[in-house]
C-alpha cells in the first residue's frame, strides 16, 4: 500500500479531497478564534426537504436576542450550490444571526447571506 501511495505521489496522481482539507483549516481558524464548533446534519431518507448538512454552527459571544446562531458553509471550488444552507435558513430563521459562506471569491452579501474569502475566517 505504501508503495502504491509513493508512486501516485511521484507521478502527481494522488487524489486529494480539497474540500475536506479546507474545512479542517477553517475549523482550526475558528477554534483558534475562540469558537466552540458545532455542525448540523439531517440525513432523512423519507423527507428530502428536511435533508441537509451545515459545515459549522457558531454562536455569538453575547446573547442579546433569540437570533444567536450563525451557520457557516465552506466552499473550496468556484461553482457550488447552497441548497442545505437555504433550507436551514428557512427552517430556523428565528434562531439565526448571520449565515456565512466561506469561499475562494470576494466579499459580497446576497439574499441575507454574507460571502467571505476563506482568509477572513478569523474575523468571525
Protein backbone atom coordinates (compact mmCIF):
# COMPACT_ATOMS: atom_id res chain seq x y z
CA UNK A 1 0.00 0.00 0.00
CA UNK A 2 2.73 2.49 0.88
CA UNK A 3 4.49 1.73 -2.43
CA UNK A 4 1.24 2.50 -4.27
CA UNK A 5 0.88 5.85 -2.47
CA UNK A 6 4.53 6.64 -3.18
CA UNK A 7 4.04 6.00 -6.92
CA UNK A 8 0.92 8.17 -7.03
CA UNK A 9 2.76 10.93 -5.21
CA UNK A 10 5.72 10.73 -7.60
CA UNK A 11 3.54 10.94 -10.70
CA UNK A 12 1.19 13.60 -9.27
CA UNK A 13 -1.76 11.19 -9.32
CA UNK A 14 -2.61 11.26 -5.62
CA UNK A 15 -6.26 12.16 -5.18
CA UNK A 16 -6.85 14.86 -2.59
CA UNK A 17 -10.18 15.87 -1.14
CA UNK A 18 -9.60 19.62 -1.26
CA UNK A 19 -12.94 20.36 0.39
CA UNK A 20 -12.08 18.25 3.42
CA UNK A 21 -8.70 19.96 3.80
CA UNK A 22 -10.24 23.45 3.54
CA UNK A 23 -12.94 22.54 6.11
CA UNK A 24 -10.22 21.39 8.51
CA UNK A 25 -8.29 24.63 8.03
CA UNK A 26 -11.46 26.64 8.70
CA UNK A 27 -12.14 24.54 11.83
CA UNK A 28 -8.64 25.33 13.10
CA UNK A 29 -9.08 29.07 12.44
CA UNK A 30 -12.49 29.18 14.14
CA UNK A 31 -11.22 27.24 17.15
CA UNK A 32 -8.15 29.49 17.42
CA UNK A 33 -10.55 32.47 17.43
CA UNK A 34 -12.30 31.03 20.50
CA UNK A 35 -15.39 29.49 18.90
CA UNK A 36 -16.93 26.24 20.03
CA UNK A 37 -17.76 24.35 16.87
CA UNK A 38 -20.99 22.56 16.14
CA UNK A 39 -22.45 21.15 12.94
CA UNK A 40 -25.90 20.16 11.76
CA UNK A 41 -26.82 17.08 9.77
CA UNK A 42 -30.18 15.54 8.93
CA UNK A 43 -29.86 12.52 6.68
CA UNK A 44 -33.58 11.79 6.43
CA UNK A 45 -34.30 9.08 3.89
CA UNK A 46 -38.02 9.72 3.84
CA UNK A 47 -38.16 13.54 3.62
CA UNK A 48 -35.87 15.15 1.02
CA UNK A 49 -36.93 18.65 2.11
CA UNK A 50 -35.51 18.13 5.61
CA UNK A 51 -32.27 16.51 4.36
CA UNK A 52 -29.40 18.94 4.89
CA UNK A 53 -25.91 19.37 6.28
CA UNK A 54 -24.27 22.53 7.60
CA UNK A 55 -20.48 22.56 7.99
CA UNK A 56 -20.29 24.72 11.12
CA UNK A 57 -22.57 26.49 13.58
CA UNK A 58 -21.12 29.20 15.80
CA UNK A 59 -22.83 31.29 18.46
CA UNK A 60 -22.38 34.96 19.26
CA UNK A 61 -20.44 35.61 22.45
CA UNK A 62 -23.16 37.76 23.98
CA UNK A 63 -26.71 36.50 23.75
CA UNK A 64 -28.92 39.53 23.18
CA UNK A 65 -31.87 38.09 21.26
CA UNK A 66 -33.03 34.73 20.00
CA UNK A 67 -31.02 35.40 16.82
CA UNK A 68 -27.80 33.90 18.13
CA UNK A 69 -26.58 31.15 15.77
CA UNK A 70 -24.59 31.67 12.57
CA UNK A 71 -24.47 28.77 10.12
CA UNK A 72 -21.30 28.53 8.04
CA UNK A 73 -20.83 26.70 4.74
CA UNK A 74 -17.29 26.20 3.44
CA UNK A 75 -16.82 26.02 -0.32
CA UNK A 76 -13.45 25.21 -1.88
CA UNK A 77 -14.43 25.34 -5.55
CA UNK A 78 -15.64 28.11 -7.84
CA UNK A 79 -19.03 26.52 -8.63
CA UNK A 80 -21.24 25.41 -5.78
CA UNK A 81 -24.82 25.27 -4.54
CA UNK A 82 -26.23 26.37 -1.20
CA UNK A 83 -29.24 24.05 -1.01
CA UNK A 84 -28.64 22.97 2.58
CA UNK A 85 -27.89 26.49 3.79
CA UNK A 86 -31.07 27.87 2.21
CA UNK A 87 -33.19 25.07 3.71
CA UNK A 88 -31.56 25.64 7.11
CA UNK A 89 -32.08 29.40 6.81
CA UNK A 90 -35.77 28.91 6.05
CA UNK A 91 -36.40 26.31 8.76
CA UNK A 92 -34.55 28.06 11.61
CA UNK A 93 -34.96 31.74 10.69
CA UNK A 94 -35.97 32.76 14.24
CA UNK A 95 -32.79 31.36 15.78
CA UNK A 96 -30.30 32.59 13.18
CA UNK A 97 -27.97 35.54 13.21
CA UNK A 98 -25.91 35.94 10.02
CA UNK A 99 -25.43 32.99 7.65
CA UNK A 100 -21.94 32.85 6.11
CA UNK A 101 -20.36 31.21 3.10
CA UNK A 102 -16.57 30.99 3.27
CA UNK A 103 -15.26 30.67 -0.28
CA UNK A 104 -12.40 31.49 -2.64
CA UNK A 105 -14.06 34.59 -4.11
CA UNK A 106 -14.53 38.19 -2.95
CA UNK A 107 -16.71 39.64 -0.18
CA UNK A 108 -20.36 40.10 -1.03
CA UNK A 109 -23.81 39.98 0.55
CA UNK A 110 -26.70 38.39 -1.29
CA UNK A 111 -30.14 37.23 -0.14
CA UNK A 112 -29.23 37.70 3.53
CA UNK A 113 -26.07 35.58 3.25
CA UNK A 114 -22.60 37.07 3.76
CA UNK A 115 -19.91 35.62 1.50
CA UNK A 116 -16.36 35.96 2.81
CA UNK A 117 -12.99 34.90 1.42
CA UNK A 118 -11.51 31.99 3.36
CA UNK A 119 -8.71 34.15 4.77
CA UNK A 120 -11.29 36.27 6.65
CA UNK A 121 -12.40 33.32 8.81
CA UNK A 122 -10.53 34.53 11.95
CA UNK A 123 -12.59 37.73 11.85
CA UNK A 124 -15.87 35.93 12.58
